[in-house]
């Protein structure tokens, strides 16, 4: 059970970080277009 919880936390962190990076790269593109 504890292993499953760690896996969920790890996946959630990965998802959060990747979505944050995607957001930042989108912002960079918008700034380049301005």
PDB file of N, CA and C in Angstrom:
ATOM      1  N   UNK A   1       0.838  -1.213   0.000  1.00  0.00           N
ATOM      2  CA  UNK A   1       0.000   0.000   0.000  1.00  0.00           C
ATOM      3  C   UNK A   1       0.867   1.254   0.000  1.00  0.00           C
ATOM      4  N   UNK A   2       1.924   1.210   0.804  1.00  0.00           N
ATOM      5  CA  UNK A   2       2.793   2.388   0.878  1.00  0.00           C
ATOM      6  C   UNK A   2       3.500   2.639  -0.458  1.00  0.00           C
ATOM      7  N   UNK A   3       3.859   1.538  -1.134  1.00  0.00           N
ATOM      8  CA  UNK A   3       4.509   1.668  -2.436  1.00  0.00           C
ATOM      9  C   UNK A   3       3.592   2.347  -3.448  1.00  0.00           C
ATOM     10  N   UNK A   4       2.318   1.999  -3.388  1.00  0.00           N
ATOM     11  CA  UNK A   4       1.335   2.595  -4.297  1.00  0.00           C
ATOM     12  C   UNK A   4       1.215   4.092  -4.046  1.00  0.00           C
ATOM     13  N   UNK A   5       1.225   4.471  -2.771  1.00  0.00           N
ATOM     14  CA  UNK A   5       1.123   5.880  -2.410  1.00  0.00           C
ATOM     15  C   UNK A   5       2.332   6.660  -2.934  1.00  0.00           C
ATOM     16  N   UNK A   6       3.519   6.051  -2.806  1.00  0.00           N
ATOM     17  CA  UNK A   6       4.731   6.699  -3.314  1.00  0.00           C
ATOM     18  C   UNK A   6       4.655   6.871  -4.824  1.00  0.00           C
ATOM     19  N   UNK A   7       4.141   5.841  -5.502  1.00  0.00           N
ATOM     20  CA  UNK A   7       4.019   5.883  -6.957  1.00  0.00           C
ATOM     21  C   UNK A   7       3.075   7.004  -7.387  1.00  0.00           C
ATOM     22  N   UNK A   8       1.959   7.133  -6.686  1.00  0.00           N
ATOM     23  CA  UNK A   8       0.986   8.183  -7.004  1.00  0.00           C
ATOM     24  C   UNK A   8       1.597   9.565  -6.792  1.00  0.00           C
ATOM     25  N   UNK A   9       2.306   9.728  -5.667  1.00  0.00           N
ATOM     26  CA  UNK A   9       2.952  11.016  -5.397  1.00  0.00           C
ATOM     27  C   UNK A   9       3.984  11.338  -6.462  1.00  0.00           C
ATOM     28  N   UNK A  10       4.771  10.335  -6.857  1.00  0.00           N
ATOM     29  CA  UNK A  10       5.804  10.514  -7.877  1.00  0.00           C
ATOM     30  C   UNK A  10       5.181  10.918  -9.208  1.00  0.00           C
ATOM     31  N   UNK A  11       4.111  10.205  -9.604  1.00  0.00           N
ATOM     32  CA  UNK A  11       3.437  10.515 -10.857  1.00  0.00           C
ATOM     33  C   UNK A  11       2.826  11.912 -10.831  1.00  0.00           C
ATOM     34  N   UNK A  12       2.258  12.283  -9.688  1.00  0.00           N
ATOM     35  CA  UNK A  12       1.646  13.597  -9.563  1.00  0.00           C
ATOM     36  C   UNK A  12       2.704  14.688  -9.680  1.00  0.00           C
ATOM     37  N   UNK A  13       3.864  14.461  -9.045  1.00  0.00           N
ATOM     38  CA  UNK A  13       4.950  15.441  -9.101  1.00  0.00           C
ATOM     39  C   UNK A  13       5.459  15.581 -10.530  1.00  0.00           C
ATOM     40  N   UNK A  14       5.628  14.453 -11.208  1.00  0.00           N
ATOM     41  CA  UNK A  14       6.086  14.479 -12.596  1.00  0.00           C
ATOM     42  C   UNK A  14       5.103  15.236 -13.480  1.00  0.00           C
ATOM     43  N   UNK A  15       3.811  14.980 -13.279  1.00  0.00           N
ATOM     44  CA  UNK A  15       2.777  15.642 -14.068  1.00  0.00           C
ATOM     45  C   UNK A  15       2.806  17.148 -13.819  1.00  0.00           C
ATOM     46  N   UNK A  16       2.943  17.536 -12.548  1.00  0.00           N
ATOM     47  CA  UNK A  16       2.961  18.942 -12.179  1.00  0.00           C
ATOM     48  C   UNK A  16       4.157  19.648 -12.796  1.00  0.00           C
ATOM     49  N   UNK A  17       5.329  19.013 -12.697  1.00  0.00           N
ATOM     50  CA  UNK A  17       6.550  19.613 -13.242  1.00  0.00           C
ATOM     51  C   UNK A  17       6.473  19.742 -14.760  1.00  0.00           C
ATOM     52  N   UNK A  18       5.983  18.700 -15.435  1.00  0.00           N
ATOM     53  CA  UNK A  18       5.917  18.746 -16.893  1.00  0.00           C
ATOM     54  C   UNK A  18       4.892  19.771 -17.367  1.00  0.00           C
ATOM     55  N   UNK A  19       3.777  19.907 -16.652  1.00  0.00           N
ATOM     56  CA  UNK A  19       2.777  20.901 -17.043  1.00  0.00           C
ATOM     57  C   UNK A  19       3.308  22.305 -16.787  1.00  0.00           C
ATOM     58  N   UNK A  20       4.105  22.459 -15.731  1.00  0.00           N
ATOM     59  CA  UNK A  20       4.714  23.747 -15.426  1.00  0.00           C
ATOM     60  C   UNK A  20       5.714  24.125 -16.517  1.00  0.00           C
ATOM     61  N   UNK A  21       6.520  23.149 -16.956  1.00  0.00           N
ATOM     62  CA  UNK A  21       7.490  23.399 -18.019  1.00  0.00           C
ATOM     63  C   UNK A  21       6.789  23.753 -19.316  1.00  0.00           C
ATOM     64  N   UNK A  22       5.682  23.076 -19.593  1.00  0.00           N
ATOM     65  CA  UNK A  22       4.905  23.351 -20.797  1.00  0.00           C
ATOM     66  C   UNK A  22       4.370  24.780 -20.751  1.00  0.00           C
ATOM     67  N   UNK A  23       3.872  25.184 -19.582  1.00  0.00           N
ATOM     68  CA  UNK A  23       3.345  26.522 -19.389  1.00  0.00           C
ATOM     69  C   UNK A  23       4.438  27.567 -19.597  1.00  0.00           C
ATOM     70  N   UNK A  24       5.628  27.307 -19.052  1.00  0.00           N
ATOM     71  CA  UNK A  24       6.741  28.242 -19.186  1.00  0.00           C
ATOM     72  C   UNK A  24       7.190  28.362 -20.635  1.00  0.00           C
ATOM     73  N   UNK A  25       7.233  27.252 -21.361  1.00  0.00           N
ATOM     74  CA  UNK A  25       7.651  27.315 -22.757  1.00  0.00           C
ATOM     75  C   UNK A  25       6.612  28.050 -23.597  1.00  0.00           C
ATOM     76  N   UNK A  26       5.339  27.913 -23.235  1.00  0.00           N
ATOM     77  CA  UNK A  26       4.283  28.644 -23.938  1.00  0.00           C
ATOM     78  C   UNK A  26       4.432  30.139 -23.687  1.00  0.00           C
ATOM     79  N   UNK A  27       4.768  30.500 -22.450  1.00  0.00           N
ATOM     80  CA  UNK A  27       4.999  31.905 -22.121  1.00  0.00           C
ATOM     81  C   UNK A  27       6.177  32.453 -22.909  1.00  0.00           C
ATOM     82  N   UNK A  28       7.248  31.654 -23.027  1.00  0.00           N
ATOM     83  CA  UNK A  28       8.417  32.072 -23.794  1.00  0.00           C
ATOM     84  C   UNK A  28       8.043  32.340 -25.246  1.00  0.00           C
ATOM     85  N   UNK A  29       7.221  31.456 -25.816  1.00  0.00           N
ATOM     86  CA  UNK A  29       6.793  31.637 -27.201  1.00  0.00           C
ATOM     87  C   UNK A  29       5.984  32.920 -27.360  1.00  0.00           C
ATOM     88  N   UNK A  30       5.105  33.181 -26.407  1.00  0.00           N
ATOM     89  CA  UNK A  30       4.297  34.398 -26.467  1.00  0.00           C
ATOM     90  C   UNK A  30       5.174  35.639 -26.378  1.00  0.00           C
ATOM     91  N   UNK A  31       6.190  35.584 -25.507  1.00  0.00           N
ATOM     92  CA  UNK A  31       7.090  36.725 -25.366  1.00  0.00           C
ATOM     93  C   UNK A  31       7.893  36.947 -26.643  1.00  0.00           C
ATOM     94  N   UNK A  32       8.264  35.866 -27.318  1.00  0.00           N
ATOM     95  CA  UNK A  32       9.004  35.985 -28.573  1.00  0.00           C
ATOM     96  C   UNK A  32       8.135  36.616 -29.653  1.00  0.00           C
ATOM     97  N   UNK A  33       6.833  36.331 -29.612  1.00  0.00           N
ATOM     98  CA  UNK A  33       5.925  36.861 -30.627  1.00  0.00           C
ATOM     99  C   UNK A  33       5.607  38.340 -30.415  1.00  0.00           C
ATOM    100  N   UNK A  34       5.763  38.819 -29.197  1.00  0.00           N
ATOM    101  CA  UNK A  34       5.440  40.216 -28.918  1.00  0.00           C
ATOM    102  C   UNK A  34       6.418  41.172 -29.575  1.00  0.00           C
TER     103      UNK A  34
END
